[in-house]
Amino acid sequence: MTRNNRAAPERPTPPEKGPAIDPAIASPQATRDGQPISYSRAPAADLERWIGRLYVTIVDTPPDHRLECGLLSDFACIRIQLRGHWQASTADGIRQSERAAMLFGPQSRRMPISVTGSFISVGIFLRPGVCHALGGPDISAMVDRLDTFTALGLNEERWLDLCHPADRPEDWAKAMEHEMRSLIAERAVREPDPVSARFEAAAFIDPTVSVKRLAEEFGVEQRRLERIVRRDFGMAPKQVLRRARALDMASHLRGVADHDEAEAIALRYYDQSHLIREFGELFGMSPRQFVERPQPLMTLGLETRQARRLEMIRRLEPGEVKPWE
C-alpha cells in the first residue's frame, strides 16, 4: 500500500518539450516525444512462468555515431546482439562485443553501456528463479556481470541464427520462444519458485511494502523469504524493492509510465532529498540530469519493463496502446 500519509515531494518533471533525445538516432517505433522504443510483448501462455518479456530493438544511427548510455535491469536477460559495436562496464571490467549471444545478470546500479553505429538487439527477460530452475549460473554471481553463451556452454551460433534479416520482429519473437521451449526441455531440473513470482508481483504493485509484511502475506518465515529472494534475484529483498521504486520513478521521468500514477510514484519517497540521494546512488546522476541528458538505451529498457509491469498489475491489457505511444 502506498504511504499516502507523506507530504508529496517537489517532483522533478520533464521539460515542457519532453525528456532530451539524441537527434542522430532513429527507430521504427518511438514514443510520442520521439524516444526509440522496442517491439515487445508478453510470452505465450506456456512460457509465462519462465519469460517476463520478449523484445526486439532496431535503431539506426550514422556509421560512426557513438551512443553513451547505460542499463539498469531488475532481471536476468538473454540479449542477442546482431549489429553494432557494444561496450559494457561490468563488475569484471570492460566487456566488448559485436555479434554475440549473452546472458546479462540483473544490475544493482546503472551499468555504463556504449554502442557505435546502428544496432539490433533481440532479447528475453527471464523471470526470477529461472536460472536456478534451469541449473544455470548462480544469479547472485551474475549481478552486474555478463557472460557469452559460449562461456556458459550453450550453442551461441544456434541462437544468433534465429533472427533472419528478412523476417519481422514478431517472427524473431516466435523463434526465441521456440528456442526457450527447447532449452527448458533440455535443462530444466525444477519449476521456478512461486514465492519468487509473488515477490516479483509485489515489487511491481508497491515497492514500499515491508519484507516482514510480505512474508506474512505469503505464509513463509521472513528468513526463508530472504533466502529465496537472494537466490532468485541475486540480492537482498530490501535492495530489490528499493531498485523497483527507483525504476518506476525513472520511467516517469523519461515519459514511459502511466501519467495517472505520477503522484503515487512520487509519494514513495519521503522528500526531495531522499529521492535525489537514492536516485543518484542507483543511476549515478540526479533526477534532473536524467531528464536533461539523452537516455536512449536506458529508456528502451525502462519502457519494456514498464509495459510488463502495467500488464501484470492490470493497468494495461496485452496489445493495448501504451500511455506513452
C-alpha atoms as a PDB file:
ATOM      1  CA  MET A   1       0.000   0.000   0.000  1.00  0.00           C
ATOM      2  CA  THR A   2       1.420   3.406  -0.946  1.00  0.00           C
ATOM      3  CA  ARG A   3       2.200   5.563   2.074  1.00  0.00           C
ATOM      4  CA  ASN A   4      -0.270   8.363   1.490  1.00  0.00           C
ATOM      5  CA  ASN A   5       0.413   9.976   4.870  1.00  0.00           C
ATOM      6  CA  ARG A   6       3.545  11.573   3.463  1.00  0.00           C
ATOM      7  CA  ALA A   7       3.692  15.061   2.059  1.00  0.00           C
ATOM      8  CA  ALA A   8       4.380  14.842  -1.654  1.00  0.00           C
ATOM      9  CA  PRO A   9       7.950  15.838  -2.516  1.00  0.00           C
ATOM     10  CA  GLU A  10       8.583  18.519  -5.057  1.00  0.00           C
ATOM     11  CA  ARG A  11       8.755  16.252  -8.066  1.00  0.00           C
ATOM     12  CA  PRO A  12      11.287  16.782 -10.837  1.00  0.00           C
ATOM     13  CA  THR A  13       9.290  16.862 -14.051  1.00  0.00           C
ATOM     14  CA  PRO A  14      10.398  16.601 -17.657  1.00  0.00           C
ATOM     15  CA  PRO A  15      10.852  19.891 -19.527  1.00  0.00           C
ATOM     16  CA  GLU A  16       7.888  21.171 -21.500  1.00  0.00           C
ATOM     17  CA  LYS A  17       9.349  19.709 -24.684  1.00  0.00           C
ATOM     18  CA  GLY A  18       9.830  16.326 -23.025  1.00  0.00           C
ATOM     19  CA  PRO A  19      12.950  14.400 -21.988  1.00  0.00           C
ATOM     20  CA  ALA A  20      16.110  15.085 -24.002  1.00  0.00           C
ATOM     21  CA  ILE A  21      16.597  12.899 -27.080  1.00  0.00           C
ATOM     22  CA  ASP A  22      19.531  12.141 -29.363  1.00  0.00           C
ATOM     23  CA  PRO A  23      18.502  13.506 -32.809  1.00  0.00           C
ATOM     24  CA  ALA A  24      21.079  11.306 -34.571  1.00  0.00           C
ATOM     25  CA  ILE A  25      19.219   8.068 -33.841  1.00  0.00           C
ATOM     26  CA  ALA A  26      16.042   6.728 -35.414  1.00  0.00           C
ATOM     27  CA  SER A  27      13.819   3.724 -34.805  1.00  0.00           C
ATOM     28  CA  PRO A  28      10.732   2.184 -36.473  1.00  0.00           C
ATOM     29  CA  GLN A  29       8.926   2.661 -33.153  1.00  0.00           C
ATOM     30  CA  ALA A  30       9.077   5.657 -30.832  1.00  0.00           C
ATOM     31  CA  THR A  31       7.236   7.408 -28.033  1.00  0.00           C
ATOM     32  CA  ARG A  32       5.139  10.487 -28.736  1.00  0.00           C
ATOM     33  CA  ASP A  33       8.142  12.669 -27.887  1.00  0.00           C
ATOM     34  CA  GLY A  34      10.471  10.792 -30.259  1.00  0.00           C
ATOM     35  CA  GLN A  35      12.356   8.392 -27.971  1.00  0.00           C
ATOM     36  CA  PRO A  36      13.068   4.999 -29.600  1.00  0.00           C
ATOM     37  CA  ILE A  37      11.225   2.034 -28.101  1.00  0.00           C
ATOM     38  CA  SER A  38      11.313  -1.682 -28.785  1.00  0.00           C
ATOM     39  CA  TYR A  39       8.805  -4.061 -30.243  1.00  0.00           C
ATOM     40  CA  SER A  40       7.937  -6.069 -27.139  1.00  0.00           C
ATOM     41  CA  ARG A  41       5.249  -8.405 -25.901  1.00  0.00           C
ATOM     42  CA  ALA A  42       4.335 -10.885 -23.208  1.00  0.00           C
ATOM     43  CA  PRO A  43       5.270 -14.539 -23.822  1.00  0.00           C
ATOM     44  CA  ALA A  44       2.975 -17.319 -24.938  1.00  0.00           C
ATOM     45  CA  ALA A  45       0.878 -18.788 -22.114  1.00  0.00           C
ATOM     46  CA  ASP A  46       3.013 -21.930 -21.723  1.00  0.00           C
ATOM     47  CA  LEU A  47       6.111 -19.791 -21.113  1.00  0.00           C
ATOM     48  CA  GLU A  48       4.662 -17.319 -18.610  1.00  0.00           C
ATOM     49  CA  ARG A  49       6.418 -18.988 -15.660  1.00  0.00           C
ATOM     50  CA  TRP A  50       9.753 -18.666 -17.451  1.00  0.00           C
ATOM     51  CA  ILE A  51       9.722 -15.451 -19.508  1.00  0.00           C
ATOM     52  CA  GLY A  52       8.786 -11.952 -18.403  1.00  0.00           C
ATOM     53  CA  ARG A  53       9.024 -10.176 -21.762  1.00  0.00           C
ATOM     54  CA  LEU A  54      10.413 -10.559 -25.274  1.00  0.00           C
ATOM     55  CA  TYR A  55      11.789  -7.537 -27.129  1.00  0.00           C
ATOM     56  CA  VAL A  56      13.262  -6.546 -30.482  1.00  0.00           C
ATOM     57  CA  THR A  57      15.165  -3.261 -30.718  1.00  0.00           C
ATOM     58  CA  ILE A  58      16.178  -1.796 -34.081  1.00  0.00           C
ATOM     59  CA  VAL A  59      17.959   1.574 -34.079  1.00  0.00           C
ATOM     60  CA  ASP A  60      19.657   3.366 -36.956  1.00  0.00           C
ATOM     61  CA  THR A  61      22.447   5.905 -36.488  1.00  0.00           C
ATOM     62  CA  PRO A  62      25.253   7.396 -38.602  1.00  0.00           C
ATOM     63  CA  PRO A  63      28.052   4.788 -39.035  1.00  0.00           C
ATOM     64  CA  ASP A  64      30.490   6.348 -36.567  1.00  0.00           C
ATOM     65  CA  HIS A  65      27.932   7.613 -34.070  1.00  0.00           C
ATOM     66  CA  ARG A  66      28.869   6.557 -30.524  1.00  0.00           C
ATOM     67  CA  LEU A  67      25.998   6.386 -28.092  1.00  0.00           C
ATOM     68  CA  GLU A  68      26.964   6.644 -24.402  1.00  0.00           C
ATOM     69  CA  CYS A  69      24.262   5.471 -22.042  1.00  0.00           C
ATOM     70  CA  GLY A  70      23.554   2.697 -19.559  1.00  0.00           C
ATOM     71  CA  LEU A  71      21.212  -0.063 -18.399  1.00  0.00           C
ATOM     72  CA  LEU A  72      19.594  -0.858 -15.062  1.00  0.00           C
ATOM     73  CA  SER A  73      17.581  -4.062 -15.215  1.00  0.00           C
ATOM     74  CA  ASP A  74      15.995  -5.922 -12.320  1.00  0.00           C
ATOM     75  CA  PHE A  75      16.011  -9.293 -14.091  1.00  0.00           C
ATOM     76  CA  ALA A  76      18.479 -11.508 -15.900  1.00  0.00           C
ATOM     77  CA  CYS A  77      18.191 -11.141 -19.657  1.00  0.00           C
ATOM     78  CA  ILE A  78      19.232 -13.106 -22.724  1.00  0.00           C
ATOM     79  CA  ARG A  79      20.465 -10.497 -25.204  1.00  0.00           C
ATOM     80  CA  ILE A  80      21.223 -11.368 -28.827  1.00  0.00           C
ATOM     81  CA  GLN A  81      23.315  -8.544 -30.297  1.00  0.00           C
ATOM     82  CA  LEU A  82      23.087  -8.685 -34.089  1.00  0.00           C
ATOM     83  CA  ARG A  83      24.504  -5.325 -35.118  1.00  0.00           C
ATOM     84  CA  GLY A  84      26.593  -2.533 -33.602  1.00  0.00           C
ATOM     85  CA  HIS A  85      29.824  -2.450 -31.592  1.00  0.00           C
ATOM     86  CA  TRP A  86      28.975  -2.722 -27.897  1.00  0.00           C
ATOM     87  CA  GLN A  87      30.990  -1.948 -24.784  1.00  0.00           C
ATOM     88  CA  ALA A  88      29.837  -2.533 -21.193  1.00  0.00           C
ATOM     89  CA  SER A  89      31.473  -1.567 -17.901  1.00  0.00           C
ATOM     90  CA  THR A  90      30.788  -4.645 -15.779  1.00  0.00           C
ATOM     91  CA  ALA A  91      31.895  -5.766 -12.325  1.00  0.00           C
ATOM     92  CA  ASP A  92      34.620  -7.720 -14.160  1.00  0.00           C
ATOM     93  CA  GLY A  93      35.805  -4.706 -16.162  1.00  0.00           C
ATOM     94  CA  ILE A  94      35.185  -3.607 -19.748  1.00  0.00           C
ATOM     95  CA  ARG A  95      33.498  -6.167 -21.985  1.00  0.00           C
ATOM     96  CA  GLN A  96      33.164  -5.615 -25.745  1.00  0.00           C
ATOM     97  CA  SER A  97      31.153  -7.435 -28.388  1.00  0.00           C
ATOM     98  CA  GLU A  98      29.651  -7.159 -31.847  1.00  0.00           C
ATOM     99  CA  ARG A  99      27.642 -10.187 -32.939  1.00  0.00           C
ATOM    100  CA  ALA A 100      27.059 -12.196 -29.770  1.00  0.00           C
ATOM    101  CA  ALA A 101      24.533 -14.069 -27.642  1.00  0.00           C
ATOM    102  CA  MET A 102      24.901 -13.197 -23.968  1.00  0.00           C
ATOM    103  CA  LEU A 103      23.309 -13.627 -20.576  1.00  0.00           C
ATOM    104  CA  PHE A 104      23.209 -10.375 -18.609  1.00  0.00           C
ATOM    105  CA  GLY A 105      22.677 -10.706 -14.893  1.00  0.00           C
ATOM    106  CA  PRO A 106      20.470  -8.199 -13.059  1.00  0.00           C
ATOM    107  CA  GLN A 107      22.096  -4.870 -12.217  1.00  0.00           C
ATOM    108  CA  SER A 108      22.417  -3.407  -8.730  1.00  0.00           C
ATOM    109  CA  ARG A 109      23.023   0.048 -10.241  1.00  0.00           C
ATOM    110  CA  ARG A 110      23.359   1.643 -13.669  1.00  0.00           C
ATOM    111  CA  MET A 111      25.765  -0.286 -15.900  1.00  0.00           C
ATOM    112  CA  PRO A 112      27.501   2.097 -18.335  1.00  0.00           C
ATOM    113  CA  ILE A 113      26.966   0.918 -21.931  1.00  0.00           C
ATOM    114  CA  SER A 114      28.122   2.388 -25.211  1.00  0.00           C
ATOM    115  CA  VAL A 115      27.357   1.320 -28.768  1.00  0.00           C
ATOM    116  CA  THR A 116      28.856   2.565 -32.019  1.00  0.00           C
ATOM    117  CA  GLY A 117      26.825   2.525 -35.218  1.00  0.00           C
ATOM    118  CA  SER A 118      23.335   1.229 -35.945  1.00  0.00           C
ATOM    119  CA  PHE A 119      22.313  -1.640 -33.708  1.00  0.00           C
ATOM    120  CA  ILE A 120      19.890  -4.519 -33.349  1.00  0.00           C
ATOM    121  CA  SER A 121      19.294  -6.251 -30.028  1.00  0.00           C
ATOM    122  CA  VAL A 122      16.822  -9.082 -29.528  1.00  0.00           C
ATOM    123  CA  GLY A 123      16.146 -10.494 -26.112  1.00  0.00           C
ATOM    124  CA  ILE A 124      14.237 -12.346 -23.435  1.00  0.00           C
ATOM    125  CA  PHE A 125      13.825 -11.096 -19.879  1.00  0.00           C
ATOM    126  CA  LEU A 126      13.885 -14.147 -17.643  1.00  0.00           C
ATOM    127  CA  ARG A 127      11.619 -14.364 -14.639  1.00  0.00           C
ATOM    128  CA  PRO A 128      13.245 -14.682 -11.205  1.00  0.00           C
ATOM    129  CA  GLY A 129      14.269 -18.227 -10.369  1.00  0.00           C
ATOM    130  CA  VAL A 130      14.600 -19.359 -13.994  1.00  0.00           C
ATOM    131  CA  CYS A 131      18.405 -19.624 -13.911  1.00  0.00           C
ATOM    132  CA  HIS A 132      18.116 -21.768 -10.776  1.00  0.00           C
ATOM    133  CA  ALA A 133      15.375 -23.896 -12.358  1.00  0.00           C
ATOM    134  CA  LEU A 134      17.482 -24.470 -15.482  1.00  0.00           C
ATOM    135  CA  GLY A 135      20.551 -25.475 -13.484  1.00  0.00           C
ATOM    136  CA  GLY A 136      22.278 -22.349 -14.762  1.00  0.00           C
ATOM    137  CA  PRO A 137      24.711 -19.950 -13.112  1.00  0.00           C
ATOM    138  CA  ASP A 138      24.176 -18.634  -9.591  1.00  0.00           C
ATOM    139  CA  ILE A 139      22.297 -15.400 -10.252  1.00  0.00           C
ATOM    140  CA  SER A 140      23.944 -13.643  -7.289  1.00  0.00           C
ATOM    141  CA  ALA A 141      27.297 -14.229  -9.011  1.00  0.00           C
ATOM    142  CA  MET A 142      25.873 -12.681 -12.198  1.00  0.00           C
ATOM    143  CA  VAL A 143      24.818  -9.345 -10.644  1.00  0.00           C
ATOM    144  CA  ASP A 144      26.433  -6.504 -12.669  1.00  0.00           C
ATOM    145  CA  ARG A 145      28.067  -9.094 -14.923  1.00  0.00           C
ATOM    146  CA  LEU A 146      27.505 -10.822 -18.253  1.00  0.00           C
ATOM    147  CA  ASP A 147      28.655 -14.000 -19.963  1.00  0.00           C
ATOM    148  CA  THR A 148      28.567 -15.190 -23.558  1.00  0.00           C
ATOM    149  CA  PHE A 149      26.567 -18.285 -24.378  1.00  0.00           C
ATOM    150  CA  THR A 150      29.817 -19.984 -25.400  1.00  0.00           C
ATOM    151  CA  ALA A 151      31.241 -19.407 -21.902  1.00  0.00           C
ATOM    152  CA  LEU A 152      28.011 -20.808 -20.414  1.00  0.00           C
ATOM    153  CA  GLY A 153      28.212 -23.970 -22.519  1.00  0.00           C
ATOM    154  CA  LEU A 154      25.300 -23.032 -24.788  1.00  0.00           C
ATOM    155  CA  ASN A 155      25.212 -23.104 -28.595  1.00  0.00           C
ATOM    156  CA  GLU A 156      25.792 -19.428 -29.361  1.00  0.00           C
ATOM    157  CA  GLU A 157      25.539 -19.729 -33.151  1.00  0.00           C
ATOM    158  CA  ARG A 158      22.221 -21.544 -32.836  1.00  0.00           C
ATOM    159  CA  TRP A 159      20.745 -18.517 -31.042  1.00  0.00           C
ATOM    160  CA  LEU A 160      22.385 -15.999 -33.377  1.00  0.00           C
ATOM    161  CA  ASP A 161      20.883 -17.770 -36.381  1.00  0.00           C
ATOM    162  CA  LEU A 162      17.320 -17.450 -35.031  1.00  0.00           C
ATOM    163  CA  CYS A 163      16.810 -13.983 -36.492  1.00  0.00           C
ATOM    164  CA  HIS A 164      16.761 -13.924 -40.278  1.00  0.00           C
ATOM    165  CA  PRO A 165      17.098 -10.388 -41.718  1.00  0.00           C
ATOM    166  CA  ALA A 166      14.041 -10.789 -43.977  1.00  0.00           C
ATOM    167  CA  ASP A 167      11.742 -11.748 -41.077  1.00  0.00           C
ATOM    168  CA  ARG A 168       9.562  -9.444 -38.974  1.00  0.00           C
ATOM    169  CA  PRO A 169      10.179  -8.719 -35.274  1.00  0.00           C
ATOM    170  CA  GLU A 170       7.254 -10.989 -34.393  1.00  0.00           C
ATOM    171  CA  ASP A 171       8.896 -13.835 -36.321  1.00  0.00           C
ATOM    172  CA  TRP A 172      12.047 -13.308 -34.241  1.00  0.00           C
ATOM    173  CA  ALA A 173       9.996 -13.334 -31.027  1.00  0.00           C
ATOM    174  CA  LYS A 174       8.361 -16.636 -32.005  1.00  0.00           C
ATOM    175  CA  ALA A 175      11.755 -18.126 -32.899  1.00  0.00           C
ATOM    176  CA  MET A 176      13.090 -17.162 -29.457  1.00  0.00           C
ATOM    177  CA  GLU A 177      10.070 -18.721 -27.768  1.00  0.00           C
ATOM    178  CA  HIS A 178      10.661 -21.941 -29.698  1.00  0.00           C
ATOM    179  CA  GLU A 179      14.302 -21.983 -28.597  1.00  0.00           C
ATOM    180  CA  MET A 180      13.343 -21.326 -24.976  1.00  0.00           C
ATOM    181  CA  ARG A 181      10.977 -24.317 -25.067  1.00  0.00           C
ATOM    182  CA  SER A 182      13.888 -26.470 -26.250  1.00  0.00           C
ATOM    183  CA  LEU A 183      16.174 -25.070 -23.554  1.00  0.00           C
ATOM    184  CA  ILE A 184      13.592 -25.780 -20.842  1.00  0.00           C
ATOM    185  CA  ALA A 185      13.025 -29.319 -22.118  1.00  0.00           C
ATOM    186  CA  GLU A 186      16.772 -29.993 -22.203  1.00  0.00           C
ATOM    187  CA  ARG A 187      17.898 -28.335 -18.978  1.00  0.00           C
ATOM    188  CA  ALA A 188      15.073 -27.709 -16.510  1.00  0.00           C
ATOM    189  CA  VAL A 189      15.615 -29.531 -13.229  1.00  0.00           C
ATOM    190  CA  ARG A 190      12.710 -27.881 -11.366  1.00  0.00           C
ATOM    191  CA  GLU A 191       9.969 -25.265 -11.773  1.00  0.00           C
ATOM    192  CA  PRO A 192      10.644 -21.602 -10.901  1.00  0.00           C
ATOM    193  CA  ASP A 193       9.736 -20.955  -7.258  1.00  0.00           C
ATOM    194  CA  PRO A 194       6.197 -19.485  -6.923  1.00  0.00           C
ATOM    195  CA  VAL A 195       7.376 -17.457  -3.907  1.00  0.00           C
ATOM    196  CA  SER A 196       9.719 -15.532  -6.202  1.00  0.00           C
ATOM    197  CA  ALA A 197       6.882 -14.923  -8.636  1.00  0.00           C
ATOM    198  CA  ARG A 198       4.783 -13.462  -5.817  1.00  0.00           C
ATOM    199  CA  PHE A 199       7.657 -11.258  -4.678  1.00  0.00           C
ATOM    200  CA  GLU A 200       8.151 -10.034  -8.261  1.00  0.00           C
ATOM    201  CA  ALA A 201       4.476  -9.047  -8.443  1.00  0.00           C
ATOM    202  CA  ALA A 202       4.644  -7.314  -5.053  1.00  0.00           C
ATOM    203  CA  ALA A 203       7.599  -5.192  -6.203  1.00  0.00           C
ATOM    204  CA  PHE A 204       5.582  -4.104  -9.241  1.00  0.00           C
ATOM    205  CA  ILE A 205       2.495  -3.261  -7.182  1.00  0.00           C
ATOM    206  CA  ASP A 206       4.080  -1.381  -4.266  1.00  0.00           C
ATOM    207  CA  PRO A 207       7.854  -1.417  -3.703  1.00  0.00           C
ATOM    208  CA  THR A 208       7.451   0.411  -0.374  1.00  0.00           C
ATOM    209  CA  VAL A 209       5.939  -2.678   1.258  1.00  0.00           C
ATOM    210  CA  SER A 210       7.963  -4.214   4.097  1.00  0.00           C
ATOM    211  CA  VAL A 211       9.637  -7.600   3.749  1.00  0.00           C
ATOM    212  CA  LYS A 212       8.056  -8.670   7.041  1.00  0.00           C
ATOM    213  CA  ARG A 213       4.582  -7.927   5.718  1.00  0.00           C
ATOM    214  CA  LEU A 214       5.215  -9.853   2.503  1.00  0.00           C
ATOM    215  CA  ALA A 215       6.449 -12.869   4.458  1.00  0.00           C
ATOM    216  CA  GLU A 216       3.218 -12.804   6.452  1.00  0.00           C
ATOM    217  CA  GLU A 217       1.111 -12.496   3.284  1.00  0.00           C
ATOM    218  CA  PHE A 218       2.989 -15.366   1.607  1.00  0.00           C
ATOM    219  CA  GLY A 219       2.759 -17.566   4.700  1.00  0.00           C
ATOM    220  CA  VAL A 220       6.537 -18.139   4.918  1.00  0.00           C
ATOM    221  CA  GLU A 221       9.140 -17.268   7.530  1.00  0.00           C
ATOM    222  CA  GLN A 222      10.909 -13.989   6.818  1.00  0.00           C
ATOM    223  CA  ARG A 223      14.335 -15.641   6.801  1.00  0.00           C
ATOM    224  CA  ARG A 224      13.142 -18.188   4.247  1.00  0.00           C
ATOM    225  CA  LEU A 225      11.735 -15.420   2.033  1.00  0.00           C
ATOM    226  CA  GLU A 226      15.039 -13.567   2.266  1.00  0.00           C
ATOM    227  CA  ARG A 227      16.967 -16.718   1.233  1.00  0.00           C
ATOM    228  CA  ILE A 228      14.684 -17.348  -1.743  1.00  0.00           C
ATOM    229  CA  VAL A 229      14.914 -13.737  -2.943  1.00  0.00           C
ATOM    230  CA  ARG A 230      18.710 -13.691  -2.624  1.00  0.00           C
ATOM    231  CA  ARG A 231      18.905 -16.906  -4.629  1.00  0.00           C
ATOM    232  CA  ASP A 232      16.467 -15.890  -7.391  1.00  0.00           C
ATOM    233  CA  PHE A 233      17.007 -12.099  -7.597  1.00  0.00           C
ATOM    234  CA  GLY A 234      20.685 -12.037  -6.654  1.00  0.00           C
ATOM    235  CA  MET A 235      20.354  -9.572  -3.790  1.00  0.00           C
ATOM    236  CA  ALA A 236      18.511  -8.857  -0.553  1.00  0.00           C
ATOM    237  CA  PRO A 237      14.745  -8.193  -0.702  1.00  0.00           C
ATOM    238  CA  LYS A 238      15.127  -4.590   0.509  1.00  0.00           C
ATOM    239  CA  GLN A 239      17.581  -3.891  -2.336  1.00  0.00           C
ATOM    240  CA  VAL A 240      15.178  -5.394  -4.874  1.00  0.00           C
ATOM    241  CA  LEU A 241      12.301  -3.227  -3.631  1.00  0.00           C
ATOM    242  CA  ARG A 242      14.472  -0.085  -3.480  1.00  0.00           C
ATOM    243  CA  ARG A 243      15.588  -0.641  -7.075  1.00  0.00           C
ATOM    244  CA  ALA A 244      11.984  -1.234  -8.223  1.00  0.00           C
ATOM    245  CA  ARG A 245      10.934   2.077  -6.661  1.00  0.00           C
ATOM    246  CA  ALA A 246      13.740   3.912  -8.469  1.00  0.00           C
ATOM    247  CA  LEU A 247      12.961   2.220 -11.796  1.00  0.00           C
ATOM    248  CA  ASP A 248       9.338   3.349 -11.608  1.00  0.00           C
ATOM    249  CA  MET A 249      10.481   6.919 -10.909  1.00  0.00           C
ATOM    250  CA  ALA A 250      12.975   6.749 -13.778  1.00  0.00           C
ATOM    251  CA  SER A 251      10.204   5.571 -16.111  1.00  0.00           C
ATOM    252  CA  HIS A 252       8.076   8.543 -15.066  1.00  0.00           C
ATOM    253  CA  LEU A 253      10.947  10.976 -15.658  1.00  0.00           C
ATOM    254  CA  ARG A 254      11.574   9.595 -19.163  1.00  0.00           C
ATOM    255  CA  GLY A 255       7.873   9.680 -20.052  1.00  0.00           C
ATOM    256  CA  VAL A 256       7.375   5.905 -20.331  1.00  0.00           C
ATOM    257  CA  ALA A 257       4.984   5.429 -17.415  1.00  0.00           C
ATOM    258  CA  ASP A 258       1.280   5.817 -16.830  1.00  0.00           C
ATOM    259  CA  HIS A 259       0.841   9.527 -16.071  1.00  0.00           C
ATOM    260  CA  ASP A 260      -2.062   8.691 -13.747  1.00  0.00           C
ATOM    261  CA  GLU A 261       0.451   7.024 -11.402  1.00  0.00           C
ATOM    262  CA  ALA A 262       2.776  10.051 -11.178  1.00  0.00           C
ATOM    263  CA  GLU A 263       1.631  11.207  -7.745  1.00  0.00           C
ATOM    264  CA  ALA A 264       1.644   7.701  -6.262  1.00  0.00           C
ATOM    265  CA  ILE A 265       5.186   7.129  -7.567  1.00  0.00           C
ATOM    266  CA  ALA A 266       6.396  10.411  -6.026  1.00  0.00           C
ATOM    267  CA  LEU A 267       4.782   9.596  -2.674  1.00  0.00           C
ATOM    268  CA  ARG A 268       7.039   6.572  -2.343  1.00  0.00           C
ATOM    269  CA  TYR A 269       9.860   8.941  -1.336  1.00  0.00           C
ATOM    270  CA  TYR A 270       9.923  10.791   1.987  1.00  0.00           C
ATOM    271  CA  ASP A 271      11.008  14.087   0.427  1.00  0.00           C
ATOM    272  CA  GLN A 272      13.037  15.604  -2.395  1.00  0.00           C
ATOM    273  CA  SER A 273      16.410  14.955  -0.738  1.00  0.00           C
ATOM    274  CA  HIS A 274      15.505  11.285  -0.239  1.00  0.00           C
ATOM    275  CA  LEU A 275      14.662  10.997  -3.929  1.00  0.00           C
ATOM    276  CA  ILE A 276      17.833  12.771  -5.093  1.00  0.00           C
ATOM    277  CA  ARG A 277      20.091  10.723  -2.808  1.00  0.00           C
ATOM    278  CA  GLU A 278      18.625   7.330  -3.707  1.00  0.00           C
ATOM    279  CA  PHE A 279      18.322   8.119  -7.412  1.00  0.00           C
ATOM    280  CA  GLY A 280      21.935   9.285  -7.515  1.00  0.00           C
ATOM    281  CA  GLU A 281      23.167   6.109  -5.837  1.00  0.00           C
ATOM    282  CA  LEU A 282      21.465   3.887  -8.410  1.00  0.00           C
ATOM    283  CA  PHE A 283      21.746   5.950 -11.596  1.00  0.00           C
ATOM    284  CA  GLY A 284      24.895   7.987 -10.976  1.00  0.00           C
ATOM    285  CA  MET A 285      23.173  11.305 -11.672  1.00  0.00           C
ATOM    286  CA  SER A 286      20.409  13.498 -10.317  1.00  0.00           C
ATOM    287  CA  PRO A 287      16.807  13.154 -11.498  1.00  0.00           C
ATOM    288  CA  ARG A 288      17.121  16.463 -13.361  1.00  0.00           C
ATOM    289  CA  GLN A 289      20.262  15.314 -15.163  1.00  0.00           C
ATOM    290  CA  PHE A 290      18.463  12.080 -16.027  1.00  0.00           C
ATOM    291  CA  VAL A 291      15.777  14.110 -17.794  1.00  0.00           C
ATOM    292  CA  GLU A 292      18.069  16.651 -19.455  1.00  0.00           C
ATOM    293  CA  ARG A 293      20.524  14.126 -20.956  1.00  0.00           C
ATOM    294  CA  PRO A 294      19.501  11.709 -23.742  1.00  0.00           C
ATOM    295  CA  GLN A 295      18.979   8.207 -22.302  1.00  0.00           C
ATOM    296  CA  PRO A 296      18.115   6.039 -25.322  1.00  0.00           C
ATOM    297  CA  LEU A 297      19.329   2.643 -24.076  1.00  0.00           C
ATOM    298  CA  MET A 298      18.033   3.220 -20.572  1.00  0.00           C
ATOM    299  CA  THR A 299      14.647   4.349 -21.901  1.00  0.00           C
ATOM    300  CA  LEU A 300      14.384   1.262 -24.116  1.00  0.00           C
ATOM    301  CA  GLY A 301      14.832  -0.938 -21.056  1.00  0.00           C
ATOM    302  CA  LEU A 302      12.519   1.129 -18.858  1.00  0.00           C
ATOM    303  CA  GLU A 303       9.749   1.121 -21.455  1.00  0.00           C
ATOM    304  CA  THR A 304       9.881  -2.651 -21.869  1.00  0.00           C
ATOM    305  CA  ARG A 305       9.832  -3.171 -18.098  1.00  0.00           C
ATOM    306  CA  GLN A 306       7.004  -0.692 -17.583  1.00  0.00           C
ATOM    307  CA  ALA A 307       4.869  -2.353 -20.264  1.00  0.00           C
ATOM    308  CA  ARG A 308       5.265  -5.686 -18.465  1.00  0.00           C
ATOM    309  CA  ARG A 309       4.562  -4.097 -15.087  1.00  0.00           C
ATOM    310  CA  LEU A 310       1.360  -2.383 -16.247  1.00  0.00           C
ATOM    311  CA  GLU A 311       0.104  -5.588 -17.817  1.00  0.00           C
ATOM    312  CA  MET A 312       0.890  -7.584 -14.681  1.00  0.00           C
ATOM    313  CA  ILE A 313      -0.954  -5.174 -12.360  1.00  0.00           C
ATOM    314  CA  ARG A 314      -3.853  -4.958 -14.850  1.00  0.00           C
ATOM    315  CA  ARG A 315      -3.464  -1.275 -15.720  1.00  0.00           C
ATOM    316  CA  LEU A 316      -2.843  -2.247 -19.345  1.00  0.00           C
ATOM    317  CA  GLU A 317      -4.217  -5.111 -21.417  1.00  0.00           C
ATOM    318  CA  PRO A 318      -1.801  -7.091 -23.622  1.00  0.00           C
ATOM    319  CA  GLY A 319      -1.644  -5.442 -27.044  1.00  0.00           C
ATOM    320  CA  GLU A 320      -3.354  -2.259 -25.835  1.00  0.00           C
ATOM    321  CA  VAL A 321      -1.835   1.077 -26.868  1.00  0.00           C
ATOM    322  CA  LYS A 322       0.580   2.199 -24.147  1.00  0.00           C
ATOM    323  CA  PRO A 323       0.095   5.600 -22.480  1.00  0.00           C
ATOM    324  CA  TRP A 324       3.347   6.957 -23.965  1.00  0.00           C
ATOM    325  CA  GLU A 325       2.731   5.887 -27.576  1.00  0.00           C
END
